[in-house]
């Protein structure tokens, strides 16, 4: 039996898969799509207003965001806009053996493109290594970067960040 958000402070995979912001695996295999890991009804609607294709909707300011996976273009504009850092982009179609996982990043130094980094799960635990493919800053996002890391496909649903560099 998996532990839910009450036990760990982090939603379980079962909880995430039941949420209206979680795309199907079939959709993820078509290309990049947003994965919205917001499972608590809090007053926020930034993601819905940020989405240029109207793929993220809320029935009220306190409802869970719903992803229309067919309308999602995988642009990633929603990632740095989320104040809860709860939106990711997964592309299971990135290459034969790798997925591309994109996530918000607010630490320094900025990871170098091409560097191999330790990647972490939702609890900050290292799960594998990945290669940094991009580190983009979007205008108006208050220095929240979108970092994209290529990882083995079997880790795509687990990877949600990179381990901070060790201080010297």
N, C-alpha and C. Protein backbone atom coordinates (compact mmCIF):
# COMPACT_ATOMS: atom_id res chain seq x y z
N UNK A 1 0.84 -1.18 0.00
CA UNK A 1 0.00 0.00 0.00
C UNK A 1 0.89 1.25 0.00
N UNK A 2 0.58 2.17 -0.91
CA UNK A 2 1.42 3.36 -0.99
C UNK A 2 0.91 4.42 -0.02
N UNK A 3 1.81 5.29 0.34
CA UNK A 3 1.46 6.37 1.25
C UNK A 3 1.00 7.57 0.45
N UNK A 4 -0.05 8.22 0.91
CA UNK A 4 -0.56 9.39 0.22
C UNK A 4 0.10 10.66 0.73
N UNK A 5 -0.44 11.79 0.31
CA UNK A 5 0.14 13.07 0.64
C UNK A 5 0.16 13.32 2.15
N UNK A 6 -0.80 12.77 2.89
CA UNK A 6 -0.85 12.99 4.33
C UNK A 6 0.34 12.38 5.06
N UNK A 7 0.86 11.26 4.57
CA UNK A 7 1.95 10.57 5.25
C UNK A 7 3.33 11.12 4.87
N UNK A 8 3.50 11.56 3.63
CA UNK A 8 4.83 11.97 3.17
C UNK A 8 4.93 13.45 2.82
N UNK A 9 3.81 14.12 2.66
CA UNK A 9 3.84 15.51 2.19
C UNK A 9 3.94 15.59 0.69
N UNK A 10 4.01 14.44 0.04
CA UNK A 10 4.12 14.34 -1.41
C UNK A 10 3.05 13.39 -1.91
N UNK A 11 2.36 13.73 -3.00
CA UNK A 11 1.33 12.83 -3.51
C UNK A 11 1.92 11.51 -4.01
N UNK A 12 1.16 10.43 -3.82
CA UNK A 12 1.56 9.12 -4.34
C UNK A 12 1.25 9.06 -5.84
N UNK A 13 1.83 8.12 -6.55
CA UNK A 13 1.54 7.95 -7.98
C UNK A 13 0.06 7.69 -8.20
N UNK A 14 -0.56 6.90 -7.34
CA UNK A 14 -1.99 6.62 -7.48
C UNK A 14 -2.81 7.90 -7.37
N UNK A 15 -2.44 8.75 -6.42
CA UNK A 15 -3.13 10.02 -6.24
C UNK A 15 -2.94 10.92 -7.46
N UNK A 16 -1.73 10.95 -7.98
CA UNK A 16 -1.45 11.76 -9.16
C UNK A 16 -2.21 11.27 -10.38
N UNK A 17 -2.22 9.96 -10.58
CA UNK A 17 -2.90 9.40 -11.75
C UNK A 17 -4.40 9.64 -11.71
N UNK A 18 -4.97 9.81 -10.53
CA UNK A 18 -6.41 10.09 -10.40
C UNK A 18 -6.72 11.58 -10.56
N UNK A 19 -5.70 12.42 -10.52
CA UNK A 19 -5.94 13.87 -10.59
C UNK A 19 -6.26 14.28 -12.03
N UNK A 20 -7.05 15.34 -12.19
CA UNK A 20 -7.46 15.77 -13.53
C UNK A 20 -6.36 16.41 -14.36
N UNK A 21 -5.19 16.63 -13.78
CA UNK A 21 -4.09 17.26 -14.52
C UNK A 21 -3.05 16.26 -15.01
N UNK A 22 -3.34 14.97 -14.87
CA UNK A 22 -2.35 13.94 -15.21
C UNK A 22 -2.70 13.32 -16.57
N UNK A 23 -1.83 13.48 -17.58
CA UNK A 23 -2.13 12.93 -18.90
C UNK A 23 -1.96 11.41 -18.94
N UNK A 24 -2.60 10.80 -19.91
CA UNK A 24 -2.48 9.35 -20.09
C UNK A 24 -1.11 9.00 -20.67
N UNK A 25 -0.70 7.76 -20.48
CA UNK A 25 0.57 7.33 -21.06
C UNK A 25 0.51 7.39 -22.58
N UNK A 26 -0.65 7.09 -23.16
CA UNK A 26 -0.80 7.17 -24.62
C UNK A 26 -0.51 8.58 -25.11
N UNK A 27 -0.99 9.60 -24.38
CA UNK A 27 -0.72 10.98 -24.77
C UNK A 27 0.76 11.31 -24.63
N UNK A 28 1.39 10.84 -23.56
CA UNK A 28 2.81 11.12 -23.36
C UNK A 28 3.67 10.48 -24.45
N UNK A 29 3.21 9.37 -25.00
CA UNK A 29 3.96 8.71 -26.07
C UNK A 29 3.85 9.45 -27.40
N UNK A 30 2.90 10.38 -27.52
CA UNK A 30 2.75 11.17 -28.74
C UNK A 30 3.72 12.34 -28.79
N UNK A 31 4.28 12.71 -27.64
CA UNK A 31 5.17 13.86 -27.57
C UNK A 31 5.00 14.58 -26.25
N UNK A 32 5.69 15.69 -26.10
CA UNK A 32 5.70 16.42 -24.84
C UNK A 32 4.30 16.85 -24.42
N UNK A 33 4.02 16.66 -23.13
CA UNK A 33 2.74 17.09 -22.56
C UNK A 33 2.97 17.52 -21.11
N UNK A 34 2.16 18.45 -20.67
CA UNK A 34 2.22 18.92 -19.28
C UNK A 34 1.71 17.83 -18.34
N UNK A 35 2.37 17.72 -17.19
CA UNK A 35 1.94 16.85 -16.10
C UNK A 35 1.73 17.78 -14.92
N UNK A 36 0.47 17.93 -14.50
CA UNK A 36 0.15 18.87 -13.43
C UNK A 36 -0.03 18.07 -12.14
N UNK A 37 0.91 18.24 -11.23
CA UNK A 37 0.90 17.47 -9.99
C UNK A 37 0.32 18.29 -8.84
N UNK A 38 -0.74 18.98 -9.11
CA UNK A 38 -1.46 19.78 -8.14
C UNK A 38 -2.66 18.95 -7.67
N UNK A 39 -2.61 18.51 -6.42
CA UNK A 39 -3.68 17.63 -5.91
C UNK A 39 -4.41 18.24 -4.72
N UNK A 40 -4.13 19.49 -4.41
CA UNK A 40 -4.82 20.14 -3.31
C UNK A 40 -5.60 21.34 -3.84
N UNK A 41 -6.82 21.46 -3.40
CA UNK A 41 -7.67 22.55 -3.86
C UNK A 41 -7.31 23.83 -3.09
N UNK A 42 -6.48 24.63 -3.73
CA UNK A 42 -6.04 25.89 -3.14
C UNK A 42 -6.40 27.03 -4.10
N UNK A 43 -6.60 28.23 -3.62
CA UNK A 43 -6.98 29.33 -4.51
C UNK A 43 -5.82 29.77 -5.41
N UNK A 44 -5.85 29.30 -6.63
CA UNK A 44 -4.80 29.62 -7.60
C UNK A 44 -5.34 29.30 -8.99
N UNK A 45 -5.04 30.12 -9.95
CA UNK A 45 -5.47 29.81 -11.32
C UNK A 45 -4.44 30.28 -12.35
N UNK A 46 -3.21 30.38 -11.92
CA UNK A 46 -2.15 30.90 -12.79
C UNK A 46 -1.93 30.01 -14.01
N UNK A 47 -1.94 28.69 -13.82
CA UNK A 47 -1.65 27.78 -14.93
C UNK A 47 -2.70 27.90 -16.03
N UNK A 48 -3.96 28.03 -15.64
CA UNK A 48 -5.03 28.14 -16.63
C UNK A 48 -4.89 29.40 -17.47
N UNK A 49 -4.57 30.50 -16.83
CA UNK A 49 -4.43 31.76 -17.59
C UNK A 49 -3.12 31.80 -18.38
N UNK A 50 -2.14 31.02 -18.00
CA UNK A 50 -0.85 31.02 -18.72
C UNK A 50 -0.89 30.18 -20.00
N UNK A 51 -1.77 29.19 -20.07
CA UNK A 51 -1.78 28.26 -21.20
C UNK A 51 -2.33 28.90 -22.47
N UNK A 52 -1.50 29.06 -23.52
CA UNK A 52 -1.96 29.73 -24.74
C UNK A 52 -2.93 28.87 -25.56
N UNK A 53 -2.96 27.55 -25.33
CA UNK A 53 -3.86 26.69 -26.12
C UNK A 53 -5.14 26.36 -25.38
N UNK A 54 -5.30 26.88 -24.16
CA UNK A 54 -6.50 26.60 -23.40
C UNK A 54 -6.60 25.16 -22.93
N UNK A 55 -5.45 24.49 -22.79
CA UNK A 55 -5.44 23.08 -22.40
C UNK A 55 -5.60 22.89 -20.89
N UNK A 56 -5.43 23.95 -20.11
CA UNK A 56 -5.57 23.86 -18.66
C UNK A 56 -6.75 24.72 -18.25
N UNK A 57 -7.73 24.07 -17.60
CA UNK A 57 -8.91 24.80 -17.17
C UNK A 57 -9.19 24.51 -15.70
N UNK A 58 -9.86 25.45 -15.07
CA UNK A 58 -10.32 25.32 -13.69
C UNK A 58 -11.79 25.71 -13.65
N UNK A 59 -12.59 24.95 -12.90
CA UNK A 59 -14.01 25.30 -12.80
C UNK A 59 -14.23 26.44 -11.80
N UNK A 60 -13.29 26.61 -10.88
CA UNK A 60 -13.32 27.73 -9.94
C UNK A 60 -11.88 28.01 -9.53
N UNK A 61 -11.65 29.10 -8.85
CA UNK A 61 -10.28 29.47 -8.45
C UNK A 61 -9.69 28.44 -7.48
N UNK A 62 -10.53 27.67 -6.79
CA UNK A 62 -10.03 26.67 -5.83
C UNK A 62 -10.14 25.24 -6.34
N UNK A 63 -10.51 25.02 -7.59
CA UNK A 63 -10.62 23.66 -8.10
C UNK A 63 -9.26 23.17 -8.60
N UNK A 64 -9.15 21.86 -8.75
CA UNK A 64 -7.92 21.29 -9.30
C UNK A 64 -7.84 21.61 -10.79
N UNK A 65 -6.66 21.94 -11.29
CA UNK A 65 -6.53 22.20 -12.72
C UNK A 65 -6.76 20.92 -13.52
N UNK A 66 -7.51 21.06 -14.61
CA UNK A 66 -7.80 19.93 -15.49
C UNK A 66 -7.02 20.12 -16.79
N UNK A 67 -6.35 19.07 -17.21
CA UNK A 67 -5.58 19.11 -18.46
C UNK A 67 -6.39 18.46 -19.57
N UNK A 68 -6.60 19.20 -20.64
CA UNK A 68 -7.17 18.63 -21.86
C UNK A 68 -5.97 18.16 -22.67
N UNK A 69 -5.64 16.89 -22.53
CA UNK A 69 -4.38 16.38 -23.09
C UNK A 69 -4.31 16.50 -24.61
N UNK A 70 -5.43 16.55 -25.28
CA UNK A 70 -5.39 16.70 -26.74
C UNK A 70 -5.10 18.14 -27.16
N UNK A 71 -5.41 19.10 -26.31
CA UNK A 71 -5.13 20.50 -26.63
C UNK A 71 -3.72 20.91 -26.21
N UNK A 72 -3.11 20.15 -25.30
CA UNK A 72 -1.77 20.50 -24.80
C UNK A 72 -0.75 20.33 -25.92
N UNK A 73 0.00 21.39 -26.19
CA UNK A 73 1.03 21.36 -27.23
C UNK A 73 2.42 21.04 -26.68
N UNK A 74 2.54 20.97 -25.35
CA UNK A 74 3.84 20.70 -24.75
C UNK A 74 4.78 21.88 -24.80
N UNK A 75 4.24 23.09 -24.86
CA UNK A 75 5.09 24.29 -24.97
C UNK A 75 5.85 24.58 -23.68
N UNK A 76 5.29 24.20 -22.53
CA UNK A 76 5.98 24.40 -21.26
C UNK A 76 5.83 25.77 -20.64
N UNK A 77 5.04 26.64 -21.24
CA UNK A 77 4.86 27.99 -20.68
C UNK A 77 4.33 27.92 -19.25
N UNK A 78 3.53 26.92 -18.96
CA UNK A 78 2.92 26.79 -17.63
C UNK A 78 3.94 26.43 -16.54
N UNK A 79 5.05 25.81 -16.88
CA UNK A 79 6.00 25.31 -15.88
C UNK A 79 6.49 26.41 -14.94
N UNK A 80 7.13 27.46 -15.42
CA UNK A 80 7.65 28.47 -14.48
C UNK A 80 6.58 29.38 -13.92
N UNK A 81 5.37 29.34 -14.46
CA UNK A 81 4.30 30.20 -13.97
C UNK A 81 3.68 29.66 -12.68
N UNK A 82 3.77 28.35 -12.45
CA UNK A 82 3.14 27.72 -11.29
C UNK A 82 3.90 28.08 -10.01
N UNK A 83 3.27 28.81 -9.07
CA UNK A 83 3.97 29.19 -7.85
C UNK A 83 4.28 28.00 -6.94
N UNK A 84 3.57 26.90 -7.14
CA UNK A 84 3.81 25.70 -6.34
C UNK A 84 4.84 24.76 -6.96
N UNK A 85 5.42 25.15 -8.10
CA UNK A 85 6.42 24.34 -8.82
C UNK A 85 5.88 22.92 -9.04
N UNK A 86 4.62 22.82 -9.44
CA UNK A 86 3.94 21.53 -9.54
C UNK A 86 3.63 21.10 -10.97
N UNK A 87 4.24 21.75 -11.96
CA UNK A 87 3.98 21.38 -13.35
C UNK A 87 5.30 20.98 -14.01
N UNK A 88 5.23 19.87 -14.73
CA UNK A 88 6.38 19.29 -15.40
C UNK A 88 5.98 18.97 -16.83
N UNK A 89 6.96 18.70 -17.65
CA UNK A 89 6.71 18.30 -19.03
C UNK A 89 7.42 16.98 -19.24
N UNK A 90 6.70 16.02 -19.79
CA UNK A 90 7.31 14.73 -20.09
C UNK A 90 7.13 14.43 -21.56
N UNK A 91 8.20 14.00 -22.20
CA UNK A 91 8.16 13.57 -23.58
C UNK A 91 8.73 12.16 -23.66
N UNK A 92 7.84 11.17 -23.72
CA UNK A 92 8.29 9.77 -23.84
C UNK A 92 8.74 9.44 -25.25
N UNK A 93 8.51 10.35 -26.17
CA UNK A 93 8.84 10.17 -27.58
C UNK A 93 10.17 10.85 -27.93
N UNK A 94 10.96 11.23 -26.93
CA UNK A 94 12.18 11.98 -27.15
C UNK A 94 13.21 11.19 -27.97
N UNK A 95 13.47 9.96 -27.58
CA UNK A 95 14.36 9.08 -28.36
C UNK A 95 13.96 7.64 -28.07
N UNK A 96 14.63 6.73 -28.69
CA UNK A 96 14.31 5.30 -28.53
C UNK A 96 14.40 4.87 -27.07
N UNK A 97 15.44 5.29 -26.37
CA UNK A 97 15.69 4.82 -25.00
C UNK A 97 15.48 5.87 -23.92
N UNK A 98 15.34 7.14 -24.32
CA UNK A 98 15.27 8.20 -23.32
C UNK A 98 13.98 9.02 -23.42
N UNK A 99 13.57 9.53 -22.27
CA UNK A 99 12.49 10.51 -22.18
C UNK A 99 13.14 11.84 -21.85
N UNK A 100 12.46 12.91 -22.20
CA UNK A 100 12.91 14.25 -21.82
C UNK A 100 11.94 14.75 -20.76
N UNK A 101 12.48 15.07 -19.59
CA UNK A 101 11.67 15.59 -18.49
C UNK A 101 12.10 17.03 -18.23
N UNK A 102 11.13 17.92 -18.24
CA UNK A 102 11.39 19.35 -18.01
C UNK A 102 10.71 19.76 -16.72
N UNK A 103 11.40 20.58 -15.93
CA UNK A 103 10.88 20.96 -14.61
C UNK A 103 11.36 22.35 -14.24
N UNK A 104 10.68 22.98 -13.26
CA UNK A 104 11.13 24.30 -12.81
C UNK A 104 12.40 24.17 -11.99
N UNK A 105 13.27 25.16 -12.10
CA UNK A 105 14.54 25.12 -11.39
C UNK A 105 14.86 26.52 -10.89
N UNK A 106 15.12 26.66 -9.58
CA UNK A 106 15.35 27.98 -8.98
C UNK A 106 16.64 28.04 -8.17
N UNK A 107 17.63 27.23 -8.50
CA UNK A 107 18.88 27.22 -7.75
C UNK A 107 20.03 27.74 -8.61
N UNK A 108 21.11 28.11 -7.95
CA UNK A 108 22.35 28.48 -8.63
C UNK A 108 23.43 27.52 -8.19
N UNK A 109 24.36 27.21 -9.02
CA UNK A 109 24.51 27.66 -10.39
C UNK A 109 23.53 26.95 -11.33
N UNK A 110 23.33 27.57 -12.48
CA UNK A 110 22.49 26.97 -13.51
C UNK A 110 23.26 25.77 -14.07
N UNK A 111 22.60 24.63 -14.21
CA UNK A 111 23.30 23.45 -14.74
C UNK A 111 23.77 23.69 -16.18
N UNK A 112 24.95 23.18 -16.49
CA UNK A 112 25.52 23.38 -17.83
C UNK A 112 24.90 22.40 -18.82
N UNK A 113 24.59 22.92 -20.00
CA UNK A 113 24.06 22.09 -21.08
C UNK A 113 25.09 20.99 -21.38
N UNK A 114 24.63 19.77 -21.50
CA UNK A 114 25.51 18.64 -21.80
C UNK A 114 26.08 17.96 -20.57
N UNK A 115 25.92 18.57 -19.40
CA UNK A 115 26.47 17.95 -18.19
C UNK A 115 25.59 16.78 -17.74
N UNK A 116 26.24 15.80 -17.14
CA UNK A 116 25.53 14.66 -16.57
C UNK A 116 25.30 14.98 -15.09
N UNK A 117 24.04 14.88 -14.67
CA UNK A 117 23.66 15.26 -13.31
C UNK A 117 22.90 14.12 -12.63
N UNK A 118 22.89 14.16 -11.31
CA UNK A 118 22.05 13.24 -10.55
C UNK A 118 20.64 13.81 -10.57
N UNK A 119 19.68 12.98 -10.94
CA UNK A 119 18.29 13.44 -10.96
C UNK A 119 17.54 12.85 -9.77
N UNK A 120 16.56 13.63 -9.30
CA UNK A 120 15.86 13.28 -8.06
C UNK A 120 14.37 13.04 -8.31
N UNK A 121 13.76 12.36 -7.36
CA UNK A 121 12.32 12.13 -7.40
C UNK A 121 11.59 13.23 -6.64
N UNK A 122 10.31 13.05 -6.41
CA UNK A 122 9.48 14.05 -5.73
C UNK A 122 9.93 14.33 -4.30
N UNK A 123 10.62 13.38 -3.68
CA UNK A 123 11.09 13.55 -2.31
C UNK A 123 12.54 14.04 -2.23
N UNK A 124 13.17 14.29 -3.40
CA UNK A 124 14.55 14.76 -3.42
C UNK A 124 15.57 13.65 -3.39
N UNK A 125 15.13 12.41 -3.50
CA UNK A 125 16.03 11.26 -3.49
C UNK A 125 16.58 11.01 -4.90
N UNK A 126 17.90 10.82 -4.99
CA UNK A 126 18.52 10.54 -6.28
C UNK A 126 18.04 9.18 -6.80
N UNK A 127 17.61 9.17 -8.07
CA UNK A 127 17.10 7.93 -8.65
C UNK A 127 17.92 7.42 -9.83
N UNK A 128 18.62 8.31 -10.52
CA UNK A 128 19.46 7.92 -11.66
C UNK A 128 20.27 9.15 -12.08
N UNK A 129 20.90 9.07 -13.21
CA UNK A 129 21.58 10.23 -13.78
C UNK A 129 20.89 10.60 -15.09
N UNK A 130 21.08 11.84 -15.47
CA UNK A 130 20.52 12.33 -16.72
C UNK A 130 21.45 13.36 -17.33
N UNK A 131 21.19 13.68 -18.58
CA UNK A 131 22.00 14.67 -19.28
C UNK A 131 21.18 15.93 -19.49
N UNK A 132 21.71 17.07 -19.07
CA UNK A 132 21.03 18.35 -19.23
C UNK A 132 21.03 18.73 -20.71
N UNK A 133 19.84 18.88 -21.25
CA UNK A 133 19.70 19.22 -22.66
C UNK A 133 19.39 20.70 -22.87
N UNK A 134 18.66 21.30 -21.90
CA UNK A 134 18.31 22.72 -22.00
C UNK A 134 18.18 23.31 -20.60
N UNK A 135 18.38 24.61 -20.52
CA UNK A 135 18.11 25.38 -19.31
C UNK A 135 17.63 26.75 -19.79
N UNK A 136 16.31 26.89 -19.88
CA UNK A 136 15.71 28.08 -20.48
C UNK A 136 15.09 28.98 -19.43
N UNK A 137 15.29 30.28 -19.62
CA UNK A 137 14.59 31.26 -18.78
C UNK A 137 13.56 31.94 -19.66
N UNK A 138 12.32 31.91 -19.22
CA UNK A 138 11.25 32.56 -19.97
C UNK A 138 11.04 33.97 -19.43
N UNK A 139 10.76 34.88 -20.32
CA UNK A 139 10.52 36.27 -19.92
C UNK A 139 9.33 36.35 -18.97
N UNK A 140 9.47 37.15 -17.93
CA UNK A 140 8.38 37.37 -16.99
C UNK A 140 8.19 36.26 -15.97
N UNK A 141 9.16 35.39 -15.82
CA UNK A 141 9.02 34.24 -14.91
C UNK A 141 9.91 34.36 -13.68
N UNK A 142 10.36 35.55 -13.37
CA UNK A 142 11.10 35.83 -12.14
C UNK A 142 12.25 34.85 -11.90
N UNK A 143 13.02 34.61 -12.91
CA UNK A 143 14.23 33.78 -12.84
C UNK A 143 13.98 32.30 -12.55
N UNK A 144 12.77 31.82 -12.71
CA UNK A 144 12.53 30.38 -12.63
C UNK A 144 12.88 29.81 -13.99
N UNK A 145 13.86 28.92 -14.02
CA UNK A 145 14.28 28.30 -15.27
C UNK A 145 13.45 27.06 -15.55
N UNK A 146 13.45 26.65 -16.80
CA UNK A 146 12.94 25.34 -17.18
C UNK A 146 14.16 24.52 -17.57
N UNK A 147 14.46 23.50 -16.78
CA UNK A 147 15.58 22.62 -17.08
C UNK A 147 15.01 21.34 -17.68
N UNK A 148 15.62 20.89 -18.77
CA UNK A 148 15.20 19.66 -19.45
C UNK A 148 16.33 18.66 -19.41
N UNK A 149 16.02 17.46 -18.91
CA UNK A 149 17.02 16.42 -18.73
C UNK A 149 16.58 15.15 -19.44
N UNK A 150 17.48 14.56 -20.21
CA UNK A 150 17.22 13.26 -20.86
C UNK A 150 17.55 12.16 -19.86
N UNK A 151 16.59 11.28 -19.63
CA UNK A 151 16.75 10.19 -18.67
C UNK A 151 16.24 8.89 -19.30
N UNK A 152 16.67 7.73 -18.79
CA UNK A 152 16.09 6.48 -19.28
C UNK A 152 14.57 6.52 -19.11
N UNK A 153 13.84 6.02 -20.11
CA UNK A 153 12.37 6.12 -20.12
C UNK A 153 11.72 5.59 -18.85
N UNK A 154 12.28 4.55 -18.27
CA UNK A 154 11.64 3.96 -17.09
C UNK A 154 11.61 4.90 -15.89
N UNK A 155 12.37 5.99 -15.93
CA UNK A 155 12.41 6.95 -14.82
C UNK A 155 11.58 8.21 -15.08
N UNK A 156 10.96 8.31 -16.25
CA UNK A 156 10.27 9.55 -16.65
C UNK A 156 9.21 10.00 -15.65
N UNK A 157 8.45 9.07 -15.10
CA UNK A 157 7.39 9.46 -14.17
C UNK A 157 7.91 9.72 -12.75
N UNK A 158 9.17 9.42 -12.51
CA UNK A 158 9.75 9.64 -11.18
C UNK A 158 10.60 10.90 -11.11
N UNK A 159 11.30 11.24 -12.16
CA UNK A 159 12.25 12.36 -12.14
C UNK A 159 11.50 13.69 -12.06
N UNK A 160 11.88 14.51 -11.05
CA UNK A 160 11.25 15.81 -10.88
C UNK A 160 12.24 16.91 -10.53
N UNK A 161 13.53 16.62 -10.61
CA UNK A 161 14.52 17.66 -10.33
C UNK A 161 15.92 17.12 -10.43
N UNK A 162 16.89 17.96 -10.13
CA UNK A 162 18.28 17.51 -10.09
C UNK A 162 18.85 17.83 -8.72
N UNK A 163 19.81 17.01 -8.32
CA UNK A 163 20.45 17.22 -7.03
C UNK A 163 21.27 18.50 -7.09
N UNK A 164 21.20 19.32 -6.06
CA UNK A 164 22.01 20.55 -6.07
C UNK A 164 23.49 20.19 -6.06
N UNK A 165 24.30 21.01 -6.70
CA UNK A 165 25.72 20.74 -6.72
C UNK A 165 26.30 20.83 -5.29
N UNK A 166 27.30 20.03 -5.05
CA UNK A 166 27.96 20.06 -3.73
C UNK A 166 28.81 21.30 -3.61
N UNK A 167 28.82 21.86 -2.43
CA UNK A 167 29.67 23.03 -2.19
C UNK A 167 31.09 22.58 -2.00
N UNK A 168 32.01 23.41 -2.47
CA UNK A 168 33.42 23.06 -2.36
C UNK A 168 34.03 23.66 -1.14
